[in-house]
Amino acid sequence: MTRVTSDMAMSVDGFVAGPNQREDAPFGDGVDERLHRWMFEEADAHAEELAAITAAGAFVMGRNMFSPGRGAWDLDWRGWWGQDPPYHAPVFVLTHHERAPLAMDGGTTFHFVTDGIEAALERARAAAGDRDVSIAGGAATVNQYLAAGLIDELRLHVAPVLLGAGERLLDGAPNAQLELLGEPRGTGLVTHLRYGVVR
């Protein structure tokens, strides 16, 4: 059966983005490359984790992860990643505003879902086939799926930084039991932790 996973880079104090996310600061105020340096500066050392992040057969993300805008769509906006996003699979974007699917290079097509998290997950499962579905973020989206008991494996990539404010992972999540899977791995830039969500 298809598993539902989520990979999140976060600070030691639990933030995945700072406050005031916008087009010129996608991760918000006070957040530079520190949360994600390991992906670029030490990619070889973290090849296993990087491969797992993009291995899903379909992805679900919140609108804030796709776009800095609110309200009606700016149809010229095609995501943060350029013409060839890293997903190479269908991506289902949670939104309150309808938009036609957006096909990009490399096999990524963004589908815009207006009828809630369960509907987005159902569509992602159908698209993924026998591969996993990844809840790609941001924090509010992952927190909703955790609260609904819909994530099977939570993979945290904890950078040794403190942000102090912003979008915090696990806010509003239920009193869930997490089971550590395998041994933590890491370097000076990140610690990788894998948890099964016990139901």
N, C-alpha and C. Protein backbone atom coordinates (compact mmCIF):
# COMPACT_ATOMS: atom_id res chain seq x y z
N MET A 1 0.84 -1.19 0.00
CA MET A 1 0.00 0.00 0.00
C MET A 1 0.88 1.25 0.00
N THR A 2 0.43 2.28 -0.67
CA THR A 2 1.17 3.54 -0.73
C THR A 2 1.33 4.14 0.66
N ARG A 3 2.56 4.50 1.01
CA ARG A 3 2.81 5.20 2.26
C ARG A 3 2.75 6.70 2.03
N VAL A 4 2.43 7.43 3.09
CA VAL A 4 2.44 8.89 3.05
C VAL A 4 3.60 9.36 3.92
N THR A 5 4.54 10.06 3.32
CA THR A 5 5.73 10.52 4.01
C THR A 5 5.78 12.04 4.00
N SER A 6 6.65 12.58 4.81
CA SER A 6 6.92 14.02 4.77
C SER A 6 8.35 14.27 5.19
N ASP A 7 9.08 15.06 4.40
CA ASP A 7 10.44 15.49 4.70
C ASP A 7 10.43 16.98 4.97
N MET A 8 10.95 17.38 6.13
CA MET A 8 10.98 18.79 6.46
C MET A 8 12.34 19.18 7.04
N ALA A 9 12.96 20.20 6.44
CA ALA A 9 14.16 20.82 7.02
C ALA A 9 13.69 21.82 8.06
N MET A 10 14.28 21.77 9.24
CA MET A 10 13.80 22.64 10.31
C MET A 10 14.95 23.05 11.22
N SER A 11 14.71 24.11 11.98
CA SER A 11 15.66 24.56 12.98
C SER A 11 15.51 23.73 14.24
N VAL A 12 16.48 23.83 15.13
CA VAL A 12 16.41 23.11 16.40
C VAL A 12 15.18 23.51 17.20
N ASP A 13 14.74 24.76 17.07
CA ASP A 13 13.55 25.20 17.81
C ASP A 13 12.26 25.00 17.01
N GLY A 14 12.31 24.20 15.95
CA GLY A 14 11.09 23.71 15.32
C GLY A 14 10.53 24.52 14.18
N PHE A 15 11.25 25.51 13.69
CA PHE A 15 10.72 26.34 12.61
C PHE A 15 11.23 25.88 11.25
N VAL A 16 10.33 25.89 10.27
CA VAL A 16 10.71 25.52 8.90
C VAL A 16 10.77 26.75 8.00
N ALA A 17 10.30 27.87 8.48
CA ALA A 17 10.37 29.15 7.76
C ALA A 17 10.25 30.26 8.78
N GLY A 18 10.76 31.42 8.42
CA GLY A 18 10.63 32.59 9.29
C GLY A 18 9.34 33.34 9.01
N PRO A 19 9.10 34.43 9.74
CA PRO A 19 7.90 35.22 9.49
C PRO A 19 8.00 36.03 8.20
N ASN A 20 6.86 36.46 7.68
CA ASN A 20 6.77 37.36 6.53
C ASN A 20 7.32 36.75 5.24
N GLN A 21 6.91 35.52 4.93
CA GLN A 21 7.31 34.92 3.67
C GLN A 21 6.74 35.75 2.51
N ARG A 22 7.56 35.97 1.49
CA ARG A 22 7.14 36.78 0.35
C ARG A 22 8.05 36.47 -0.82
N GLU A 23 7.78 37.09 -1.97
CA GLU A 23 8.51 36.73 -3.19
C GLU A 23 10.01 36.95 -3.06
N ASP A 24 10.43 38.04 -2.41
CA ASP A 24 11.87 38.29 -2.29
C ASP A 24 12.50 37.62 -1.07
N ALA A 25 11.69 36.92 -0.27
CA ALA A 25 12.19 36.15 0.88
C ALA A 25 11.30 34.92 1.03
N PRO A 26 11.49 33.91 0.17
CA PRO A 26 10.58 32.75 0.16
C PRO A 26 10.49 32.01 1.49
N PHE A 27 11.58 32.02 2.27
CA PHE A 27 11.56 31.36 3.56
C PHE A 27 11.35 32.32 4.72
N GLY A 28 11.03 33.58 4.42
CA GLY A 28 10.71 34.55 5.46
C GLY A 28 11.91 35.29 6.00
N ASP A 29 11.64 36.23 6.88
CA ASP A 29 12.68 37.06 7.48
C ASP A 29 13.60 36.21 8.36
N GLY A 30 14.88 36.49 8.28
CA GLY A 30 15.85 35.85 9.16
C GLY A 30 16.27 34.45 8.75
N VAL A 31 15.74 33.95 7.62
CA VAL A 31 16.10 32.61 7.18
C VAL A 31 16.89 32.73 5.89
N ASP A 32 18.13 32.32 5.97
CA ASP A 32 18.96 32.29 4.77
C ASP A 32 19.16 30.84 4.39
N GLU A 33 20.28 30.52 3.86
CA GLU A 33 20.52 29.15 3.39
C GLU A 33 20.81 28.17 4.53
N ARG A 34 20.84 28.63 5.78
CA ARG A 34 21.30 27.77 6.87
C ARG A 34 20.46 26.49 7.04
N LEU A 35 19.17 26.55 6.80
CA LEU A 35 18.34 25.35 6.95
C LEU A 35 18.64 24.32 5.87
N HIS A 36 19.14 24.78 4.72
CA HIS A 36 19.28 23.90 3.56
C HIS A 36 20.71 23.77 3.05
N ARG A 37 21.68 24.30 3.78
CA ARG A 37 23.07 24.24 3.30
C ARG A 37 23.52 22.82 3.02
N TRP A 38 23.08 21.89 3.85
CA TRP A 38 23.51 20.50 3.70
C TRP A 38 23.12 19.93 2.34
N MET A 39 22.01 20.40 1.76
CA MET A 39 21.55 19.89 0.47
C MET A 39 22.51 20.25 -0.66
N PHE A 40 23.22 21.35 -0.51
CA PHE A 40 24.04 21.87 -1.59
C PHE A 40 25.54 21.71 -1.30
N GLU A 41 25.94 22.01 -0.08
CA GLU A 41 27.37 21.96 0.24
C GLU A 41 27.86 20.55 0.54
N GLU A 42 26.96 19.68 0.98
CA GLU A 42 27.34 18.31 1.34
C GLU A 42 26.43 17.28 0.68
N ALA A 43 26.03 17.55 -0.56
CA ALA A 43 25.05 16.68 -1.23
C ALA A 43 25.50 15.23 -1.26
N ASP A 44 26.78 14.97 -1.49
CA ASP A 44 27.26 13.58 -1.55
C ASP A 44 27.09 12.87 -0.21
N ALA A 45 27.31 13.57 0.88
CA ALA A 45 27.20 12.96 2.20
C ALA A 45 25.76 12.65 2.58
N HIS A 46 24.82 13.29 1.89
CA HIS A 46 23.40 13.14 2.23
C HIS A 46 22.61 12.59 1.04
N ALA A 47 23.29 11.85 0.16
CA ALA A 47 22.65 11.36 -1.06
C ALA A 47 21.43 10.50 -0.76
N GLU A 48 21.51 9.69 0.29
CA GLU A 48 20.38 8.80 0.64
C GLU A 48 19.14 9.62 0.98
N GLU A 49 19.32 10.66 1.80
CA GLU A 49 18.19 11.49 2.22
C GLU A 49 17.65 12.31 1.05
N LEU A 50 18.53 12.85 0.23
CA LEU A 50 18.09 13.63 -0.92
C LEU A 50 17.32 12.77 -1.91
N ALA A 51 17.78 11.54 -2.12
CA ALA A 51 17.05 10.65 -3.02
C ALA A 51 15.67 10.33 -2.47
N ALA A 52 15.56 10.13 -1.17
CA ALA A 52 14.27 9.81 -0.56
C ALA A 52 13.29 10.97 -0.68
N ILE A 53 13.78 12.20 -0.61
CA ILE A 53 12.90 13.37 -0.69
C ILE A 53 12.17 13.43 -2.02
N THR A 54 12.88 13.08 -3.10
CA THR A 54 12.29 13.22 -4.44
C THR A 54 11.80 11.89 -5.02
N ALA A 55 11.78 10.83 -4.23
CA ALA A 55 11.42 9.51 -4.75
C ALA A 55 9.92 9.26 -4.83
N ALA A 56 9.12 10.13 -4.27
CA ALA A 56 7.67 9.88 -4.24
C ALA A 56 7.07 9.89 -5.65
N GLY A 57 5.94 9.21 -5.78
CA GLY A 57 5.23 9.18 -7.05
C GLY A 57 4.28 10.35 -7.22
N ALA A 58 4.00 11.09 -6.14
CA ALA A 58 3.16 12.29 -6.19
C ALA A 58 3.42 13.09 -4.92
N PHE A 59 3.14 14.38 -4.99
CA PHE A 59 3.39 15.29 -3.89
C PHE A 59 2.14 16.12 -3.61
N VAL A 60 2.01 16.54 -2.33
CA VAL A 60 0.97 17.49 -1.93
C VAL A 60 1.67 18.65 -1.24
N MET A 61 1.27 19.87 -1.57
CA MET A 61 1.84 21.04 -0.91
C MET A 61 0.76 22.09 -0.70
N GLY A 62 1.00 22.97 0.26
CA GLY A 62 0.12 24.10 0.48
C GLY A 62 0.38 25.20 -0.53
N ARG A 63 -0.59 26.07 -0.67
CA ARG A 63 -0.42 27.18 -1.63
C ARG A 63 0.80 28.02 -1.29
N ASN A 64 1.05 28.25 0.00
CA ASN A 64 2.18 29.10 0.38
C ASN A 64 3.51 28.52 -0.09
N MET A 65 3.59 27.21 -0.26
CA MET A 65 4.82 26.61 -0.75
C MET A 65 4.97 26.80 -2.25
N PHE A 66 3.86 26.93 -2.94
CA PHE A 66 3.90 27.11 -4.39
C PHE A 66 4.03 28.58 -4.78
N SER A 67 3.43 29.46 -4.00
CA SER A 67 3.30 30.87 -4.43
C SER A 67 3.32 31.82 -3.25
N PRO A 68 3.87 33.03 -3.42
CA PRO A 68 3.80 34.02 -2.36
C PRO A 68 2.46 34.75 -2.33
N GLY A 69 1.64 34.57 -3.36
CA GLY A 69 0.41 35.33 -3.48
C GLY A 69 -0.72 34.77 -2.65
N ARG A 70 -1.73 35.60 -2.44
CA ARG A 70 -2.97 35.21 -1.77
C ARG A 70 -4.11 35.67 -2.68
N GLY A 71 -5.29 35.17 -2.44
CA GLY A 71 -6.42 35.58 -3.25
C GLY A 71 -6.37 34.97 -4.63
N ALA A 72 -6.95 35.67 -5.60
CA ALA A 72 -7.00 35.16 -6.98
C ALA A 72 -5.58 34.95 -7.51
N TRP A 73 -5.45 33.96 -8.39
CA TRP A 73 -4.14 33.60 -8.92
C TRP A 73 -3.57 34.66 -9.86
N ASP A 74 -2.28 34.89 -9.75
CA ASP A 74 -1.51 35.56 -10.78
C ASP A 74 -1.07 34.46 -11.74
N LEU A 75 -1.72 34.37 -12.90
CA LEU A 75 -1.48 33.24 -13.80
C LEU A 75 -0.09 33.27 -14.43
N ASP A 76 0.63 34.35 -14.28
CA ASP A 76 2.02 34.38 -14.75
C ASP A 76 2.96 33.66 -13.78
N TRP A 77 2.50 33.46 -12.53
CA TRP A 77 3.34 32.79 -11.53
C TRP A 77 3.33 31.29 -11.80
N ARG A 78 4.53 30.71 -11.92
CA ARG A 78 4.66 29.28 -12.25
C ARG A 78 5.51 28.53 -11.22
N GLY A 79 5.54 29.05 -9.99
CA GLY A 79 6.30 28.39 -8.94
C GLY A 79 7.67 29.00 -8.76
N TRP A 80 8.35 28.57 -7.69
CA TRP A 80 9.65 29.12 -7.31
C TRP A 80 10.80 28.51 -8.09
N TRP A 81 10.58 27.40 -8.80
CA TRP A 81 11.67 26.52 -9.20
C TRP A 81 12.10 26.66 -10.65
N GLY A 82 11.52 27.58 -11.41
CA GLY A 82 11.85 27.66 -12.82
C GLY A 82 11.04 26.65 -13.63
N GLN A 83 11.42 26.46 -14.88
CA GLN A 83 10.62 25.64 -15.79
C GLN A 83 10.74 24.14 -15.49
N ASP A 84 11.77 23.72 -14.75
CA ASP A 84 11.97 22.29 -14.45
C ASP A 84 12.02 22.09 -12.94
N PRO A 85 10.86 22.06 -12.26
CA PRO A 85 10.85 21.86 -10.80
C PRO A 85 11.43 20.51 -10.43
N PRO A 86 11.85 20.34 -9.19
CA PRO A 86 12.56 19.12 -8.80
C PRO A 86 11.66 17.90 -8.58
N TYR A 87 10.36 18.03 -8.74
CA TYR A 87 9.44 16.95 -8.35
C TYR A 87 9.37 15.83 -9.39
N HIS A 88 9.29 16.17 -10.66
CA HIS A 88 9.24 15.18 -11.74
C HIS A 88 8.11 14.17 -11.52
N ALA A 89 6.99 14.67 -11.02
CA ALA A 89 5.81 13.86 -10.72
C ALA A 89 4.63 14.82 -10.53
N PRO A 90 3.41 14.30 -10.46
CA PRO A 90 2.28 15.20 -10.19
C PRO A 90 2.38 15.83 -8.81
N VAL A 91 2.02 17.11 -8.72
CA VAL A 91 2.01 17.84 -7.46
C VAL A 91 0.61 18.42 -7.28
N PHE A 92 0.01 18.21 -6.11
CA PHE A 92 -1.34 18.67 -5.82
C PHE A 92 -1.24 19.80 -4.81
N VAL A 93 -1.64 21.00 -5.24
CA VAL A 93 -1.50 22.22 -4.45
C VAL A 93 -2.83 22.56 -3.80
N LEU A 94 -2.84 22.64 -2.47
CA LEU A 94 -4.05 23.01 -1.73
C LEU A 94 -4.30 24.51 -1.88
N THR A 95 -5.53 24.86 -2.24
CA THR A 95 -5.86 26.26 -2.46
C THR A 95 -7.36 26.47 -2.31
N HIS A 96 -7.77 27.72 -2.15
CA HIS A 96 -9.19 28.07 -2.17
C HIS A 96 -9.61 28.64 -3.52
N HIS A 97 -8.67 28.72 -4.46
CA HIS A 97 -8.94 29.38 -5.74
C HIS A 97 -8.62 28.42 -6.89
N GLU A 98 -9.60 28.20 -7.73
CA GLU A 98 -9.41 27.27 -8.84
C GLU A 98 -8.37 27.79 -9.82
N ARG A 99 -7.67 26.83 -10.43
CA ARG A 99 -6.69 27.14 -11.47
C ARG A 99 -6.50 25.89 -12.31
N ALA A 100 -6.36 26.06 -13.60
CA ALA A 100 -6.14 24.92 -14.49
C ALA A 100 -4.79 24.28 -14.18
N PRO A 101 -4.63 22.97 -14.43
CA PRO A 101 -3.34 22.32 -14.22
C PRO A 101 -2.23 23.03 -14.99
N LEU A 102 -1.03 23.00 -14.41
CA LEU A 102 0.12 23.70 -14.98
C LEU A 102 1.22 22.67 -15.24
N ALA A 103 1.43 22.34 -16.50
CA ALA A 103 2.45 21.36 -16.88
C ALA A 103 3.79 22.05 -17.04
N MET A 104 4.83 21.45 -16.45
CA MET A 104 6.18 21.98 -16.50
C MET A 104 7.09 20.95 -17.14
N ASP A 105 8.36 21.29 -17.30
CA ASP A 105 9.32 20.34 -17.84
C ASP A 105 9.62 19.24 -16.82
N GLY A 106 10.16 18.14 -17.29
CA GLY A 106 10.65 17.08 -16.40
C GLY A 106 9.58 16.20 -15.80
N GLY A 107 8.33 16.32 -16.25
CA GLY A 107 7.27 15.46 -15.74
C GLY A 107 6.47 16.03 -14.59
N THR A 108 6.76 17.25 -14.16
CA THR A 108 6.00 17.88 -13.09
C THR A 108 4.76 18.56 -13.67
N THR A 109 3.59 18.23 -13.13
CA THR A 109 2.37 18.99 -13.41
C THR A 109 1.75 19.38 -12.08
N PHE A 110 1.49 20.67 -11.90
CA PHE A 110 0.83 21.17 -10.71
C PHE A 110 -0.68 21.12 -10.93
N HIS A 111 -1.38 20.47 -9.99
CA HIS A 111 -2.85 20.40 -10.00
C HIS A 111 -3.33 21.17 -8.78
N PHE A 112 -4.34 21.97 -8.93
CA PHE A 112 -4.79 22.87 -7.86
C PHE A 112 -6.11 22.33 -7.29
N VAL A 113 -6.08 21.99 -5.99
CA VAL A 113 -7.17 21.26 -5.35
C VAL A 113 -7.88 22.19 -4.38
N THR A 114 -9.19 22.35 -4.56
CA THR A 114 -9.95 23.28 -3.74
C THR A 114 -10.86 22.59 -2.73
N ASP A 115 -10.86 21.24 -2.69
CA ASP A 115 -11.81 20.56 -1.82
C ASP A 115 -11.16 19.82 -0.65
N GLY A 116 -10.02 20.32 -0.17
CA GLY A 116 -9.48 19.88 1.10
C GLY A 116 -8.37 18.86 1.04
N ILE A 117 -7.81 18.58 2.25
CA ILE A 117 -6.62 17.75 2.34
C ILE A 117 -6.89 16.30 1.98
N GLU A 118 -8.06 15.78 2.36
CA GLU A 118 -8.36 14.38 2.04
C GLU A 118 -8.49 14.19 0.53
N ALA A 119 -9.17 15.13 -0.14
CA ALA A 119 -9.33 15.03 -1.60
C ALA A 119 -7.97 15.12 -2.29
N ALA A 120 -7.11 16.01 -1.82
CA ALA A 120 -5.78 16.12 -2.42
C ALA A 120 -5.00 14.83 -2.24
N LEU A 121 -5.09 14.23 -1.06
CA LEU A 121 -4.37 12.98 -0.81
C LEU A 121 -4.93 11.84 -1.66
N GLU A 122 -6.24 11.78 -1.80
CA GLU A 122 -6.84 10.75 -2.64
C GLU A 122 -6.36 10.86 -4.09
N ARG A 123 -6.32 12.07 -4.61
CA ARG A 123 -5.84 12.27 -5.98
C ARG A 123 -4.35 11.94 -6.09
N ALA A 124 -3.57 12.30 -5.07
CA ALA A 124 -2.14 12.01 -5.09
C ALA A 124 -1.90 10.50 -5.03
N ARG A 125 -2.66 9.78 -4.21
CA ARG A 125 -2.52 8.32 -4.14
C ARG A 125 -2.80 7.69 -5.50
N ALA A 126 -3.85 8.15 -6.16
CA ALA A 126 -4.20 7.60 -7.47
C ALA A 126 -3.09 7.87 -8.47
N ALA A 127 -2.50 9.04 -8.41
CA ALA A 127 -1.42 9.40 -9.34
C ALA A 127 -0.13 8.65 -9.04
N ALA A 128 0.13 8.36 -7.76
CA ALA A 128 1.40 7.74 -7.36
C ALA A 128 1.46 6.26 -7.69
N GLY A 129 0.34 5.61 -7.86
CA GLY A 129 0.36 4.18 -8.10
C GLY A 129 0.87 3.45 -6.88
N ASP A 130 1.92 2.62 -7.04
CA ASP A 130 2.46 1.88 -5.90
C ASP A 130 3.63 2.61 -5.23
N ARG A 131 3.89 3.85 -5.63
CA ARG A 131 4.95 4.65 -4.99
C ARG A 131 4.36 5.48 -3.85
N ASP A 132 5.25 6.05 -3.03
CA ASP A 132 4.81 6.86 -1.90
C ASP A 132 4.23 8.18 -2.36
N VAL A 133 3.44 8.78 -1.47
CA VAL A 133 2.99 10.17 -1.61
C VAL A 133 3.74 10.98 -0.57
N SER A 134 4.27 12.13 -0.97
CA SER A 134 4.99 13.00 -0.04
C SER A 134 4.18 14.26 0.24
N ILE A 135 4.00 14.57 1.51
CA ILE A 135 3.43 15.85 1.92
C ILE A 135 4.62 16.81 2.01
N ALA A 136 4.75 17.66 1.00
CA ALA A 136 5.98 18.43 0.81
C ALA A 136 6.07 19.68 1.70
N GLY A 137 4.97 20.14 2.23
CA GLY A 137 5.01 21.33 3.08
C GLY A 137 4.04 22.38 2.60
N GLY A 138 4.08 23.52 3.20
CA GLY A 138 4.89 23.94 4.33
C GLY A 138 4.37 23.42 5.65
N ALA A 139 4.77 24.12 6.72
CA ALA A 139 4.47 23.65 8.07
C ALA A 139 2.98 23.48 8.30
N ALA A 140 2.17 24.45 7.90
CA ALA A 140 0.72 24.37 8.16
C ALA A 140 0.11 23.16 7.47
N THR A 141 0.57 22.86 6.27
CA THR A 141 0.04 21.71 5.54
C THR A 141 0.44 20.41 6.22
N VAL A 142 1.70 20.26 6.59
CA VAL A 142 2.15 19.06 7.28
C VAL A 142 1.41 18.91 8.60
N ASN A 143 1.24 20.00 9.33
CA ASN A 143 0.53 19.94 10.61
C ASN A 143 -0.91 19.47 10.43
N GLN A 144 -1.58 19.92 9.35
CA GLN A 144 -2.95 19.46 9.10
C GLN A 144 -2.99 17.96 8.84
N TYR A 145 -2.06 17.47 8.02
CA TYR A 145 -2.04 16.03 7.73
C TYR A 145 -1.69 15.22 8.97
N LEU A 146 -0.78 15.70 9.80
CA LEU A 146 -0.47 15.01 11.05
C LEU A 146 -1.69 14.98 11.96
N ALA A 147 -2.36 16.11 12.10
CA ALA A 147 -3.53 16.18 12.98
C ALA A 147 -4.65 15.24 12.51
N ALA A 148 -4.73 15.03 11.20
CA ALA A 148 -5.74 14.14 10.65
C ALA A 148 -5.30 12.68 10.67
N GLY A 149 -4.09 12.40 11.14
CA GLY A 149 -3.59 11.03 11.20
C GLY A 149 -3.29 10.43 9.84
N LEU A 150 -2.86 11.26 8.89
CA LEU A 150 -2.69 10.82 7.51
C LEU A 150 -1.24 10.68 7.07
N ILE A 151 -0.29 10.88 7.97
CA ILE A 151 1.13 10.70 7.63
C ILE A 151 1.65 9.43 8.29
N ASP A 152 2.34 8.61 7.52
CA ASP A 152 2.91 7.36 8.04
C ASP A 152 4.34 7.53 8.53
N GLU A 153 5.13 8.35 7.83
CA GLU A 153 6.54 8.52 8.19
C GLU A 153 6.93 9.98 8.08
N LEU A 154 7.48 10.51 9.17
CA LEU A 154 7.93 11.90 9.24
C LEU A 154 9.44 11.90 9.29
N ARG A 155 10.08 12.55 8.30
CA ARG A 155 11.53 12.60 8.22
C ARG A 155 11.97 14.05 8.44
N LEU A 156 12.67 14.28 9.55
CA LEU A 156 13.09 15.63 9.92
C LEU A 156 14.58 15.78 9.64
N HIS A 157 14.93 16.94 9.08
CA HIS A 157 16.32 17.27 8.76
C HIS A 157 16.64 18.54 9.55
N VAL A 158 17.23 18.34 10.72
CA VAL A 158 17.36 19.40 11.73
C VAL A 158 18.71 20.10 11.59
N ALA A 159 18.66 21.37 11.24
CA ALA A 159 19.87 22.19 11.12
C ALA A 159 20.20 22.82 12.47
N PRO A 160 21.47 22.96 12.81
CA PRO A 160 21.86 23.48 14.13
C PRO A 160 21.77 25.01 14.18
N VAL A 161 20.55 25.50 14.00
CA VAL A 161 20.29 26.95 14.07
C VAL A 161 19.03 27.17 14.90
N LEU A 162 18.92 28.37 15.46
CA LEU A 162 17.72 28.81 16.17
C LEU A 162 17.11 29.97 15.40
N LEU A 163 15.83 29.89 15.08
CA LEU A 163 15.17 30.97 14.35
C LEU A 163 14.32 31.86 15.26
N GLY A 164 13.71 31.30 16.29
CA GLY A 164 12.99 32.11 17.26
C GLY A 164 11.58 32.49 16.90
N ALA A 165 11.22 32.45 15.61
CA ALA A 165 9.87 32.83 15.19
C ALA A 165 9.64 32.32 13.78
N GLY A 166 8.38 32.29 13.39
CA GLY A 166 8.05 31.89 12.02
C GLY A 166 7.03 30.79 11.96
N GLU A 167 7.18 29.92 10.97
CA GLU A 167 6.25 28.81 10.76
C GLU A 167 6.80 27.58 11.47
N ARG A 168 6.09 27.15 12.52
CA ARG A 168 6.61 26.07 13.36
C ARG A 168 5.94 24.74 13.00
N LEU A 169 6.75 23.75 12.81
CA LEU A 169 6.26 22.40 12.59
C LEU A 169 5.72 21.85 13.91
N LEU A 170 4.70 21.01 13.82
CA LEU A 170 4.08 20.29 14.94
C LEU A 170 3.17 21.15 15.78
N ASP A 171 2.95 22.42 15.44
CA ASP A 171 1.94 23.23 16.13
C ASP A 171 0.56 22.66 15.81
N GLY A 172 -0.22 22.40 16.83
CA GLY A 172 -1.57 21.91 16.62
C GLY A 172 -1.65 20.45 16.27
N ALA A 173 -0.51 19.78 16.21
CA ALA A 173 -0.54 18.34 15.94
C ALA A 173 -1.05 17.63 17.18
N PRO A 174 -1.69 16.48 17.00
CA PRO A 174 -2.25 15.77 18.16
C PRO A 174 -1.15 15.19 19.03
N ASN A 175 -1.56 14.66 20.15
CA ASN A 175 -0.62 14.00 21.05
C ASN A 175 -0.27 12.64 20.47
N ALA A 176 0.47 12.65 19.36
CA ALA A 176 0.80 11.43 18.64
C ALA A 176 2.08 10.82 19.17
N GLN A 177 2.18 9.51 19.05
CA GLN A 177 3.40 8.82 19.42
C GLN A 177 4.23 8.60 18.17
N LEU A 178 5.51 8.98 18.24
CA LEU A 178 6.43 8.79 17.13
C LEU A 178 7.43 7.71 17.51
N GLU A 179 7.72 6.83 16.57
CA GLU A 179 8.68 5.76 16.78
C GLU A 179 9.90 6.01 15.92
N LEU A 180 11.08 6.15 16.54
CA LEU A 180 12.30 6.38 15.80
C LEU A 180 12.61 5.17 14.93
N LEU A 181 12.86 5.42 13.65
CA LEU A 181 13.17 4.37 12.69
C LEU A 181 14.65 4.46 12.35
N GLY A 182 15.41 3.43 12.65
CA GLY A 182 16.83 3.45 12.35
C GLY A 182 17.59 4.40 13.26
N GLU A 183 18.86 4.57 12.94
CA GLU A 183 19.74 5.43 13.72
C GLU A 183 19.78 6.83 13.11
N PRO A 184 19.82 7.88 13.92
CA PRO A 184 20.02 9.22 13.36
C PRO A 184 21.34 9.28 12.59
N ARG A 185 21.32 10.08 11.53
CA ARG A 185 22.53 10.30 10.72
C ARG A 185 22.76 11.79 10.64
N GLY A 186 24.00 12.18 10.37
CA GLY A 186 24.20 13.59 10.18
C GLY A 186 25.64 14.02 10.07
N THR A 187 25.79 15.33 9.92
CA THR A 187 27.08 16.01 9.87
C THR A 187 26.93 17.27 10.71
N GLY A 188 27.92 18.13 10.63
CA GLY A 188 27.81 19.39 11.37
C GLY A 188 26.72 20.31 10.87
N LEU A 189 26.20 20.06 9.66
CA LEU A 189 25.18 20.94 9.09
C LEU A 189 23.76 20.45 9.30
N VAL A 190 23.58 19.16 9.65
CA VAL A 190 22.22 18.64 9.75
C VAL A 190 22.24 17.30 10.48
N THR A 191 21.13 17.01 11.16
CA THR A 191 20.87 15.68 11.72
C THR A 191 19.59 15.16 11.11
N HIS A 192 19.63 13.95 10.55
CA HIS A 192 18.47 13.34 9.92
C HIS A 192 17.80 12.39 10.90
N LEU A 193 16.50 12.56 11.10
CA LEU A 193 15.72 11.73 12.00
C LEU A 193 14.50 11.20 11.25
N ARG A 194 14.27 9.89 11.34
CA ARG A 194 13.10 9.28 10.71
C ARG A 194 12.18 8.74 11.78
N TYR A 195 10.89 9.10 11.70
CA TYR A 195 9.92 8.65 12.68
C TYR A 195 8.73 8.00 11.99
N GLY A 196 8.31 6.86 12.50
CA GLY A 196 7.03 6.31 12.12
C GLY A 196 5.97 6.93 13.01
N VAL A 197 4.81 7.24 12.46
CA VAL A 197 3.71 7.81 13.24
C VAL A 197 2.84 6.65 13.70
N VAL A 198 2.80 6.43 15.01
CA VAL A 198 2.07 5.30 15.60
C VAL A 198 0.61 5.70 15.75
N ARG A 199 -0.28 4.86 15.24
CA ARG A 199 -1.71 5.15 15.36
C ARG A 199 -2.36 4.21 16.36
